[in-house]
Amino acid sequence: MYVGWGDIMHLPDFLEAKTRDKRDLKRFDYKLDKSIKNKYKGKTYFIKTYGCQMNEHDSENIGALLESIGFKKVDDYLDADLVLLNTCSIRENAHNKAFGMLGRLKHFKAEKKDLIIGLCGCMAQEVSVVEEIMKDYKFVNFVLGTHNLHQLPEIIDKAIEENKQQIEVYSREGDLYEGLPVVRANSYKAYVNIIYGCDKFCTYCIVPYTRGRERSRKKEDILKEIDELIKDGYKEVTLLGQNVNAYGKDLYDDYNLGDLLEEIAKKDIPRIRFMTSHPWDFNDKMIEVIGKYPNIMPSIHLPVQSGSSKVLKLMGRRYTRESYLELFNKIKETVPGVAISTDIIVGFPGETEEDFEETMSLVEYCKYDNAFTFIFSERKGTPACKLKDNTTLKEKEERLYRLNEVVNKYFLENNKKLEGKVLKVLVEGISDKKNMYYGYSETNKLINFTSDSELNLGDIVDVKIESAKTWSLDGKAI
């Protein structure tokens, strides 16, 4: 509900958040209110980020917004004047961690009375979370939704000036703002948002409610940002979206992610990645382009969630086991040396032992290079909450254990095939091990390696792989 500023707050509403229509979005260039520029100079901030790469990139924007009004970043929340939790709601574990941190902050604020505490991100869009904060966490100064991140400076200023809790959460996505400031985590890898939101409404997923409908950025704005990153010497860009494959469907008649990837690939950027994909939107043009250009990394995250067509239907995934495998095979045949990773949920309501065995057989066939596996996590407000669940937690845990045994076997098997090979690695840091660097290969393999000469972060070097482990590779720069 849009009621303007004042004493009435904007509170989240899942029914309103679920609404999808054809409203034309307005697009603006972000501008800071000059009256609060550098107003809080001398104050410090700390951001705790939970969840996905989209949240990580949001935190880069949040940091820049805070610095525009004078705050300076610190690495320990105990040194901060403002602590902001950028939250995730995709699974209960992240939810519990955020509330655990709020508990610690409550004790800290008892000692530091003028501490400002805020919560933003996907949890802020949940009705139950906001109600709980208003009732039991009155020490939290402000809550900010995902759709009005650009208002952060004004909301902080209002919370401080009025000294009362501010809740500003729009249930419907607002306009798109270009030009939000950003403080990037490093100077060689960059995230670039290309589409916001998701329209798929998988029955277990809360993202369409917390992030809104799919809204693509204009290609001109994306390409301009890429050009600026290239000018600044960046070596790798990752295109981000809750459903990145849907890029352009809401904006263009004949321009999609495949076209955008091709335009970026023709530029002078060594590495291009994208995530996260939904198999339903993965088209032939995308596969062709990925296979054609060597600077589009041959590493694709292709979440399957289940190997059972029955369970996929219950999940609302819009593809079958057979169509997924057809897509998988097409990618393998077209993209040289491709590594495919996935997400798998076990214990979804209605999953039988036979359904789980279908997942196991699919994993045996696909031999994934990586997989993120989870026990089903119920999220309030999603249709899956209403499904009958006859599987005990013990059974779900046993299935997860069995699944992980299989996926780990193939992680190691795939890594063993790389022993003796030379891989190109982007140097990202110094390993915990003495005199070792670490970085990622083109297929997104973590590699720890030594070097006879000193290397710079952001260098792309050849590394000969000497030994393989389940989760990483060891080698030496040559």
Protein backbone atom coordinates (compact mmCIF):
# COMPACT_ATOMS: atom_id res chain seq x y z
CA MET A 1 0.00 0.00 0.00
CA TYR A 2 1.45 3.36 -1.04
CA VAL A 3 0.47 5.95 1.51
CA GLY A 4 3.45 8.25 1.52
CA TRP A 5 5.76 9.27 4.32
CA GLY A 6 4.76 10.23 7.81
CA ASP A 7 3.71 8.15 10.79
CA ILE A 8 2.00 5.46 8.67
CA MET A 9 4.44 2.76 7.63
CA HIS A 10 4.66 0.67 4.46
CA LEU A 11 4.15 -2.95 5.51
CA PRO A 12 4.64 -6.06 3.31
CA ASP A 13 1.64 -7.92 1.89
CA PHE A 14 2.12 -11.26 0.11
CA LEU A 15 -1.20 -11.05 -1.74
CA GLU A 16 -0.20 -7.72 -3.22
CA ALA A 17 3.31 -9.02 -3.90
CA LYS A 18 1.88 -11.93 -5.89
CA THR A 19 0.00 -9.65 -8.28
CA ARG A 20 1.49 -9.46 -11.78
CA ASP A 21 0.34 -7.04 -14.45
CA LYS A 22 1.60 -5.20 -17.51
CA ARG A 23 2.31 -1.88 -15.86
CA ASP A 24 4.99 0.10 -17.68
CA LEU A 25 7.95 0.65 -15.41
CA LYS A 26 9.45 4.08 -15.20
CA ARG A 27 13.22 4.32 -15.28
CA PHE A 28 15.14 7.02 -13.45
CA ASP A 29 18.74 8.01 -12.88
CA TYR A 30 19.48 7.89 -9.17
CA LYS A 31 20.13 11.19 -7.39
CA LEU A 32 21.02 11.66 -3.75
CA ASP A 33 19.18 14.27 -1.70
CA LYS A 34 21.85 16.98 -1.44
CA SER A 35 20.68 17.98 2.02
CA ILE A 36 22.06 14.74 3.54
CA LYS A 37 25.20 14.33 1.45
CA ASN A 38 28.08 13.66 3.88
CA LYS A 39 25.74 14.51 6.77
CA TYR A 40 27.08 11.61 8.84
CA LYS A 41 30.77 12.11 8.16
CA GLY A 42 32.81 10.49 10.89
CA LYS A 43 30.27 7.72 11.50
CA THR A 44 31.04 4.08 10.66
CA TYR A 45 29.03 1.20 9.20
CA PHE A 46 29.11 -2.59 9.04
CA ILE A 47 27.08 -4.75 6.62
CA LYS A 48 26.35 -8.42 7.26
CA THR A 49 25.27 -10.12 4.04
CA TYR A 50 23.33 -13.37 3.82
CA GLY A 51 22.32 -15.32 0.72
CA CYS A 52 23.00 -15.16 -2.99
CA GLN A 53 25.20 -13.15 -5.33
CA MET A 54 22.33 -10.69 -5.87
CA ASN A 55 22.46 -9.89 -2.17
CA GLU A 56 26.24 -9.56 -2.32
CA HIS A 57 25.88 -7.05 -5.13
CA ASP A 58 23.09 -5.23 -3.28
CA SER A 59 25.53 -4.84 -0.39
CA GLU A 60 27.99 -3.20 -2.77
CA ASN A 61 25.28 -0.65 -3.57
CA ILE A 62 24.32 -0.29 0.09
CA GLY A 63 27.91 0.45 1.07
CA ALA A 64 28.18 3.15 -1.57
CA LEU A 65 24.85 4.70 -0.51
CA LEU A 66 26.04 4.81 3.10
CA GLU A 67 29.35 6.35 2.09
CA SER A 68 27.51 9.02 0.10
CA ILE A 69 26.08 10.36 3.36
CA GLY A 70 29.42 10.20 5.17
CA PHE A 71 29.64 6.73 6.73
CA LYS A 72 32.93 4.82 6.58
CA LYS A 73 33.18 1.03 6.43
CA VAL A 74 34.63 -1.02 9.31
CA ASP A 75 35.35 -4.75 9.39
CA ASP A 76 33.96 -5.46 12.86
CA TYR A 77 30.39 -4.69 13.89
CA LEU A 78 31.65 -3.82 17.39
CA ASP A 79 33.37 -0.78 15.86
CA ALA A 80 30.30 0.39 13.93
CA ASP A 81 27.83 3.20 14.54
CA LEU A 82 25.40 1.57 12.10
CA VAL A 83 24.91 -2.17 11.53
CA LEU A 84 22.80 -3.31 8.59
CA LEU A 85 21.74 -6.90 7.97
CA ASN A 86 21.15 -7.64 4.28
CA THR A 87 19.07 -10.77 4.58
CA CYS A 88 18.00 -13.87 2.66
CA SER A 89 14.72 -15.76 3.02
CA ILE A 90 15.24 -18.67 0.63
CA ARG A 91 15.88 -21.15 3.47
CA GLU A 92 15.17 -21.30 7.18
CA ASN A 93 18.87 -21.50 8.05
CA ALA A 94 19.61 -18.02 6.70
CA HIS A 95 16.48 -16.74 8.46
CA ASN A 96 17.67 -18.14 11.81
CA LYS A 97 21.17 -16.74 11.38
CA ALA A 98 19.82 -13.23 10.83
CA PHE A 99 17.65 -13.35 13.93
CA GLY A 100 20.58 -14.77 15.88
CA MET A 101 22.64 -11.76 14.83
CA LEU A 102 19.83 -9.44 15.89
CA GLY A 103 19.99 -11.07 19.33
CA ARG A 104 23.67 -10.28 19.61
CA LEU A 105 23.06 -6.73 18.43
CA LYS A 106 20.41 -6.26 21.12
CA HIS A 107 23.03 -6.86 23.81
CA PHE A 108 25.52 -4.62 21.99
CA LYS A 109 22.98 -1.81 21.78
CA ALA A 110 22.39 -2.05 25.52
CA GLU A 111 26.00 -0.92 25.88
CA LYS A 112 26.09 1.44 22.91
CA LYS A 113 22.82 3.37 23.16
CA ASP A 114 23.22 5.38 19.95
CA LEU A 115 23.88 2.32 17.74
CA ILE A 116 21.67 2.30 14.62
CA ILE A 117 20.44 -1.14 13.52
CA GLY A 118 18.71 -1.86 10.22
CA LEU A 119 17.40 -4.85 8.31
CA CYS A 120 16.94 -5.08 4.55
CA GLY A 121 16.89 -7.72 1.83
CA CYS A 122 14.40 -10.51 1.24
CA MET A 123 13.44 -11.14 4.88
CA ALA A 124 12.21 -7.55 5.04
CA GLN A 125 9.55 -8.47 2.46
CA GLU A 126 8.09 -11.22 4.69
CA VAL A 127 4.97 -10.24 6.61
CA SER A 128 5.76 -12.50 9.58
CA VAL A 129 9.30 -11.12 9.88
CA VAL A 130 8.20 -7.48 9.95
CA GLU A 131 5.43 -8.25 12.44
CA GLU A 132 7.95 -9.99 14.69
CA ILE A 133 10.38 -7.08 14.50
CA MET A 134 7.66 -4.56 15.31
CA LYS A 135 6.54 -6.65 18.29
CA ASP A 136 9.72 -8.11 19.78
CA TYR A 137 12.64 -6.20 18.20
CA LYS A 138 11.74 -2.59 18.86
CA PHE A 139 15.45 -1.76 19.14
CA VAL A 140 15.77 -2.20 15.35
CA ASN A 141 15.75 1.33 13.96
CA PHE A 142 14.57 0.64 10.43
CA VAL A 143 13.45 -2.05 7.99
CA LEU A 144 13.88 -1.48 4.27
CA GLY A 145 12.41 -3.59 1.45
CA THR A 146 14.05 -4.84 -1.74
CA HIS A 147 12.01 -2.52 -3.98
CA ASN A 148 13.11 0.79 -2.48
CA LEU A 149 16.80 0.28 -1.80
CA HIS A 150 17.49 3.68 -3.37
CA GLN A 151 15.68 5.31 -0.43
CA LEU A 152 18.20 3.98 2.12
CA PRO A 153 19.92 7.34 2.84
CA GLU A 154 16.62 9.13 3.46
CA ILE A 155 15.24 6.30 5.63
CA ILE A 156 18.36 6.24 7.80
CA ASP A 157 18.23 10.00 8.15
CA LYS A 158 14.57 9.85 9.17
CA ALA A 159 15.19 7.04 11.67
CA ILE A 160 17.96 9.06 13.31
CA GLU A 161 16.21 12.44 13.25
CA GLU A 162 12.84 11.17 14.52
CA ASN A 163 14.34 8.54 16.85
CA LYS A 164 11.60 5.99 16.16
CA GLN A 165 11.35 2.76 14.19
CA GLN A 166 10.86 3.13 10.44
CA ILE A 167 9.29 0.35 8.34
CA GLU A 168 9.45 1.09 4.61
CA VAL A 169 8.63 -2.06 2.64
CA TYR A 170 6.78 -1.88 -0.68
CA SER A 171 4.96 -5.08 -1.58
CA ARG A 172 4.86 -4.18 -5.28
CA GLU A 173 8.03 -3.51 -7.18
CA GLY A 174 8.65 0.16 -7.88
CA ASP A 175 10.46 1.92 -10.68
CA LEU A 176 13.92 0.97 -11.89
CA TYR A 177 16.76 3.24 -10.85
CA GLU A 178 19.94 3.33 -12.92
CA GLY A 179 23.18 4.75 -11.66
CA LEU A 180 23.04 3.58 -8.06
CA PRO A 181 26.52 4.11 -6.59
CA VAL A 182 28.59 1.00 -5.98
CA VAL A 183 31.63 0.08 -3.91
CA ARG A 184 32.87 -3.15 -5.49
CA ALA A 185 34.35 -5.93 -3.40
CA ASN A 186 37.46 -6.09 -5.58
CA SER A 187 39.00 -4.54 -8.66
CA TYR A 188 39.05 -7.52 -11.04
CA LYS A 189 35.65 -9.31 -10.69
CA ALA A 190 32.31 -7.52 -10.88
CA TYR A 191 28.64 -8.37 -10.58
CA VAL A 192 26.24 -6.74 -13.05
CA ASN A 193 22.48 -6.95 -12.51
CA ILE A 194 20.62 -7.47 -15.80
CA ILE A 195 17.14 -8.50 -14.57
CA TYR A 196 15.30 -8.28 -11.28
CA GLY A 197 12.56 -10.54 -9.90
CA CYS A 198 11.01 -13.81 -11.01
CA ASP A 199 7.64 -14.81 -12.48
CA LYS A 200 7.99 -18.59 -12.19
CA PHE A 201 6.34 -19.06 -8.75
CA CYS A 202 7.84 -22.46 -7.99
CA THR A 203 5.63 -23.73 -5.18
CA TYR A 204 8.44 -23.86 -2.59
CA CYS A 205 10.05 -20.52 -3.42
CA ILE A 206 9.48 -17.17 -1.77
CA VAL A 207 11.60 -15.15 -4.22
CA PRO A 208 8.72 -14.02 -6.51
CA TYR A 209 7.08 -12.51 -3.42
CA THR A 210 10.21 -10.83 -2.07
CA ARG A 211 11.79 -9.67 -5.33
CA GLY A 212 8.74 -8.95 -7.50
CA ARG A 213 8.05 -9.62 -11.15
CA GLU A 214 10.72 -9.90 -13.82
CA ARG A 215 12.05 -6.49 -14.86
CA SER A 216 14.92 -6.29 -17.33
CA ARG A 217 17.38 -3.44 -17.50
CA LYS A 218 17.79 -1.85 -20.91
CA LYS A 219 20.62 -3.39 -22.90
CA GLU A 220 22.17 0.04 -23.44
CA ASP A 221 22.51 0.58 -19.69
CA ILE A 222 24.03 -2.87 -19.19
CA LEU A 223 26.53 -2.48 -22.02
CA LYS A 224 27.50 0.95 -20.74
CA GLU A 225 28.24 -0.53 -17.31
CA ILE A 226 30.28 -3.32 -18.92
CA ASP A 227 32.29 -0.76 -20.92
CA GLU A 228 33.08 1.16 -17.73
CA LEU A 229 34.25 -2.02 -16.02
CA ILE A 230 36.50 -2.88 -18.96
CA LYS A 231 37.93 0.65 -18.88
CA ASP A 232 38.66 0.18 -15.17
CA GLY A 233 40.57 -3.04 -15.86
CA TYR A 234 38.10 -5.68 -14.71
CA LYS A 235 38.86 -9.22 -15.89
CA GLU A 236 35.54 -10.94 -15.14
CA VAL A 237 31.88 -9.94 -15.08
CA THR A 238 29.00 -12.05 -13.79
CA LEU A 239 25.55 -11.19 -15.12
CA LEU A 240 22.98 -11.58 -12.35
CA GLY A 241 19.27 -12.24 -12.12
CA GLN A 242 16.92 -14.29 -9.98
CA ASN A 243 16.04 -15.89 -13.34
CA VAL A 244 18.79 -14.57 -15.58
CA ASN A 245 17.65 -16.62 -18.61
CA ALA A 246 14.41 -14.62 -18.76
CA TYR A 247 16.34 -11.47 -19.65
CA GLY A 248 14.59 -9.32 -22.23
CA LYS A 249 11.26 -11.19 -22.35
CA ASP A 250 9.48 -8.28 -20.65
CA LEU A 251 11.26 -5.59 -22.65
CA TYR A 252 12.01 -6.74 -26.20
CA ASP A 253 10.32 -8.79 -28.91
CA ASP A 254 13.45 -10.37 -30.36
CA TYR A 255 16.36 -9.77 -27.97
CA ASN A 256 17.23 -12.19 -25.16
CA LEU A 257 20.12 -13.31 -22.99
CA GLY A 258 21.79 -15.02 -25.93
CA ASP A 259 21.90 -11.73 -27.82
CA LEU A 260 23.20 -9.84 -24.78
CA LEU A 261 25.89 -12.45 -24.13
CA GLU A 262 27.03 -12.19 -27.73
CA GLU A 263 27.32 -8.40 -27.60
CA ILE A 264 29.35 -8.58 -24.39
CA ALA A 265 31.52 -11.43 -25.71
CA LYS A 266 32.62 -9.22 -28.62
CA LYS A 267 34.07 -6.74 -26.15
CA ASP A 268 37.54 -6.86 -24.61
CA ILE A 269 36.65 -8.72 -21.42
CA PRO A 270 38.45 -12.02 -20.68
CA ARG A 271 35.71 -13.71 -18.64
CA ILE A 272 31.91 -13.63 -18.70
CA ARG A 273 29.65 -15.63 -16.39
CA PHE A 274 25.92 -15.57 -15.62
CA MET A 275 23.57 -16.91 -12.95
CA THR A 276 21.08 -18.21 -11.95
CA SER A 277 19.43 -20.11 -14.79
CA HIS A 278 16.01 -21.68 -14.94
CA PRO A 279 15.98 -24.64 -17.38
CA TRP A 280 12.61 -23.54 -18.76
CA ASP A 281 14.09 -20.36 -20.26
CA PHE A 282 17.37 -21.86 -21.53
CA ASN A 283 17.08 -21.58 -25.32
CA ASP A 284 19.14 -22.77 -28.28
CA LYS A 285 20.49 -19.28 -29.04
CA MET A 286 22.05 -19.12 -25.59
CA ILE A 287 23.67 -22.53 -25.97
CA GLU A 288 25.01 -21.63 -29.42
CA VAL A 289 26.52 -18.35 -28.18
CA ILE A 290 28.11 -19.93 -25.10
CA GLY A 291 29.71 -22.58 -27.27
CA LYS A 292 30.90 -20.04 -29.84
CA TYR A 293 32.77 -17.50 -27.69
CA PRO A 294 35.79 -18.58 -25.58
CA ASN A 295 35.42 -15.66 -23.17
CA ILE A 296 31.98 -16.91 -22.07
CA MET A 297 33.03 -19.31 -19.36
CA PRO A 298 32.02 -22.96 -19.91
CA SER A 299 30.47 -23.20 -16.46
CA ILE A 300 26.69 -23.38 -16.20
CA HIS A 301 24.52 -23.61 -13.12
CA LEU A 302 21.42 -25.56 -14.14
CA PRO A 303 19.19 -26.28 -11.12
CA VAL A 304 17.20 -29.50 -11.52
CA GLN A 305 15.70 -29.64 -7.96
CA SER A 306 14.39 -33.19 -8.49
CA GLY A 307 14.81 -36.08 -10.91
CA SER A 308 11.14 -37.05 -10.67
CA SER A 309 8.67 -35.54 -13.14
CA LYS A 310 5.92 -36.01 -10.56
CA VAL A 311 7.81 -34.00 -7.95
CA LEU A 312 8.82 -31.38 -10.52
CA LYS A 313 5.14 -30.86 -11.27
CA LEU A 314 4.38 -30.48 -7.56
CA MET A 315 7.22 -27.96 -7.41
CA GLY A 316 5.77 -25.98 -10.33
CA ARG A 317 9.05 -26.21 -12.24
CA ARG A 318 7.44 -26.31 -15.72
CA TYR A 319 9.75 -28.97 -17.17
CA THR A 320 9.99 -32.74 -16.94
CA ARG A 321 12.87 -35.08 -16.20
CA GLU A 322 13.03 -35.88 -19.91
CA SER A 323 13.10 -32.26 -21.11
CA TYR A 324 15.75 -31.39 -18.53
CA LEU A 325 17.99 -34.22 -19.71
CA GLU A 326 17.44 -33.17 -23.32
CA LEU A 327 18.67 -29.67 -22.42
CA PHE A 328 21.56 -31.07 -20.39
CA ASN A 329 22.73 -33.22 -23.30
CA LYS A 330 22.41 -30.34 -25.76
CA ILE A 331 24.64 -28.14 -23.58
CA LYS A 332 27.20 -30.93 -23.15
CA GLU A 333 27.32 -31.55 -26.91
CA THR A 334 27.57 -27.86 -27.89
CA VAL A 335 29.83 -26.24 -25.27
CA PRO A 336 33.39 -27.65 -25.28
CA GLY A 337 34.61 -28.75 -21.85
CA VAL A 338 31.53 -27.42 -20.07
CA ALA A 339 31.08 -28.00 -16.33
CA ILE A 340 27.49 -28.13 -15.12
CA SER A 341 26.40 -27.62 -11.51
CA THR A 342 22.94 -27.91 -10.01
CA ASP A 343 20.61 -27.51 -7.01
CA ILE A 344 18.68 -30.46 -5.56
CA ILE A 345 15.97 -30.50 -2.89
CA VAL A 346 15.28 -33.75 -1.04
CA GLY A 347 12.20 -34.49 1.03
CA PHE A 348 9.83 -32.24 -0.88
CA PRO A 349 6.22 -32.90 0.26
CA GLY A 350 4.92 -35.90 -1.65
CA GLU A 351 8.38 -37.25 -2.55
CA THR A 352 8.40 -41.04 -2.23
CA GLU A 353 11.39 -43.35 -2.10
CA GLU A 354 10.76 -44.11 -5.80
CA ASP A 355 10.84 -40.37 -6.60
CA PHE A 356 14.10 -40.02 -4.71
CA GLU A 357 15.60 -42.95 -6.61
CA GLU A 358 14.75 -41.11 -9.83
CA THR A 359 16.78 -38.17 -8.54
CA MET A 360 19.65 -40.51 -7.74
CA SER A 361 19.58 -42.04 -11.21
CA LEU A 362 19.56 -38.59 -12.82
CA VAL A 363 22.63 -37.62 -10.77
CA GLU A 364 24.33 -40.85 -11.82
CA TYR A 365 23.67 -39.89 -15.44
CA CYS A 366 24.61 -36.19 -15.26
CA LYS A 367 27.74 -36.62 -13.06
CA TYR A 368 27.59 -32.96 -12.01
CA ASP A 369 30.77 -30.99 -11.37
CA ASN A 370 29.11 -29.40 -8.35
CA ALA A 371 25.75 -29.59 -6.60
CA PHE A 372 24.08 -27.69 -3.80
CA THR A 373 21.87 -30.13 -1.95
CA PHE A 374 19.25 -29.31 0.67
CA ILE A 375 16.43 -30.78 2.70
CA PHE A 376 13.15 -29.06 1.82
CA SER A 377 12.75 -25.88 3.87
CA GLU A 378 9.17 -24.71 4.37
CA ARG A 379 8.65 -20.99 3.73
CA LYS A 380 5.49 -19.35 5.05
CA GLY A 381 3.13 -18.10 2.38
CA THR A 382 4.22 -20.49 -0.37
CA PRO A 383 1.87 -23.14 -1.83
CA ALA A 384 4.20 -25.98 -0.80
CA CYS A 385 3.29 -25.28 2.83
CA LYS A 386 -0.17 -26.69 2.11
CA LEU A 387 1.06 -29.96 0.60
CA LYS A 388 0.81 -33.16 2.67
CA ASP A 389 4.19 -34.38 3.86
CA ASN A 390 4.44 -38.00 5.00
CA THR A 391 8.22 -38.23 5.09
CA THR A 392 9.97 -38.05 8.47
CA LEU A 393 12.96 -35.80 9.09
CA LYS A 394 15.08 -38.89 9.69
CA GLU A 395 14.15 -40.24 6.24
CA LYS A 396 14.97 -36.89 4.65
CA GLU A 397 18.34 -36.76 6.38
CA GLU A 398 19.14 -40.30 5.22
CA ARG A 399 18.24 -39.36 1.63
CA LEU A 400 20.43 -36.27 1.78
CA TYR A 401 23.33 -38.37 3.08
CA ARG A 402 22.91 -40.91 0.27
CA LEU A 403 22.65 -38.15 -2.32
CA ASN A 404 25.77 -36.40 -1.07
CA GLU A 405 27.75 -39.63 -1.23
CA VAL A 406 26.94 -39.89 -4.93
CA VAL A 407 27.47 -36.24 -5.89
CA ASN A 408 30.76 -36.12 -3.97
CA LYS A 409 31.95 -39.21 -5.84
CA TYR A 410 31.49 -37.41 -9.15
CA PHE A 411 33.03 -34.16 -7.89
CA LEU A 412 36.23 -36.08 -7.19
CA GLU A 413 35.99 -38.16 -10.36
CA ASN A 414 35.65 -35.02 -12.52
CA ASN A 415 38.50 -33.29 -10.70
CA LYS A 416 40.77 -36.32 -11.11
CA LYS A 417 40.40 -35.98 -14.88
CA LEU A 418 42.14 -32.60 -14.62
CA GLU A 419 45.35 -33.90 -13.05
CA GLY A 420 48.29 -33.10 -15.33
CA LYS A 421 46.31 -30.54 -17.34
CA VAL A 422 47.09 -26.82 -17.56
CA LEU A 423 44.19 -24.53 -16.63
CA LYS A 424 43.80 -20.79 -16.81
CA VAL A 425 43.20 -19.39 -13.31
CA LEU A 426 42.14 -15.93 -12.18
CA VAL A 427 44.26 -15.11 -9.12
CA GLU A 428 41.94 -14.07 -6.29
CA GLY A 429 44.02 -14.19 -3.14
CA ILE A 430 46.61 -15.78 -0.91
CA SER A 431 45.63 -19.22 0.37
CA ASP A 432 45.62 -20.09 4.06
CA LYS A 433 48.35 -22.54 3.19
CA LYS A 434 51.85 -21.09 3.29
CA ASN A 435 53.15 -19.59 0.03
CA MET A 436 50.04 -20.56 -1.92
CA TYR A 437 47.63 -18.57 -4.05
CA TYR A 438 44.06 -19.43 -4.87
CA GLY A 439 41.71 -18.68 -7.73
CA TYR A 440 39.11 -20.16 -10.04
CA SER A 441 39.44 -21.90 -13.38
CA GLU A 442 37.25 -21.19 -16.40
CA THR A 443 34.96 -24.03 -15.25
CA ASN A 444 34.76 -22.46 -11.78
CA LYS A 445 37.02 -24.97 -10.03
CA LEU A 446 38.75 -23.73 -6.87
CA ILE A 447 42.50 -24.09 -7.33
CA ASN A 448 45.22 -23.65 -4.69
CA PHE A 449 48.63 -23.24 -6.28
CA THR A 450 52.22 -22.18 -5.77
CA SER A 451 54.24 -19.83 -7.95
CA ASP A 452 57.97 -19.22 -8.27
CA SER A 453 57.27 -15.56 -9.05
CA GLU A 454 55.09 -13.02 -7.29
CA LEU A 455 51.59 -12.69 -8.72
CA ASN A 456 49.08 -9.86 -8.59
CA LEU A 457 45.41 -10.26 -7.72
CA GLY A 458 43.46 -10.22 -10.96
CA ASP A 459 46.20 -11.88 -13.02
CA ILE A 460 45.09 -14.76 -15.23
CA VAL A 461 47.82 -17.41 -15.11
CA ASP A 462 48.43 -20.93 -16.39
CA VAL A 463 48.44 -23.51 -13.62
CA LYS A 464 49.42 -27.16 -14.01
CA ILE A 465 47.19 -29.35 -11.86
CA GLU A 466 49.20 -31.71 -9.65
CA SER A 467 46.53 -33.29 -7.45
CA ALA A 468 42.75 -33.35 -7.15
CA LYS A 469 40.49 -33.31 -4.11
CA THR A 470 36.72 -33.45 -3.88
CA TRP A 471 36.22 -29.71 -3.53
CA SER A 472 39.44 -28.23 -4.93
CA LEU A 473 42.57 -28.76 -6.98
CA ASP A 474 46.25 -28.20 -6.17
CA GLY A 475 48.81 -27.07 -8.71
CA LYS A 476 51.70 -24.84 -9.71
CA ALA A 477 51.80 -21.76 -11.92
CA ILE A 478 53.92 -22.25 -15.04
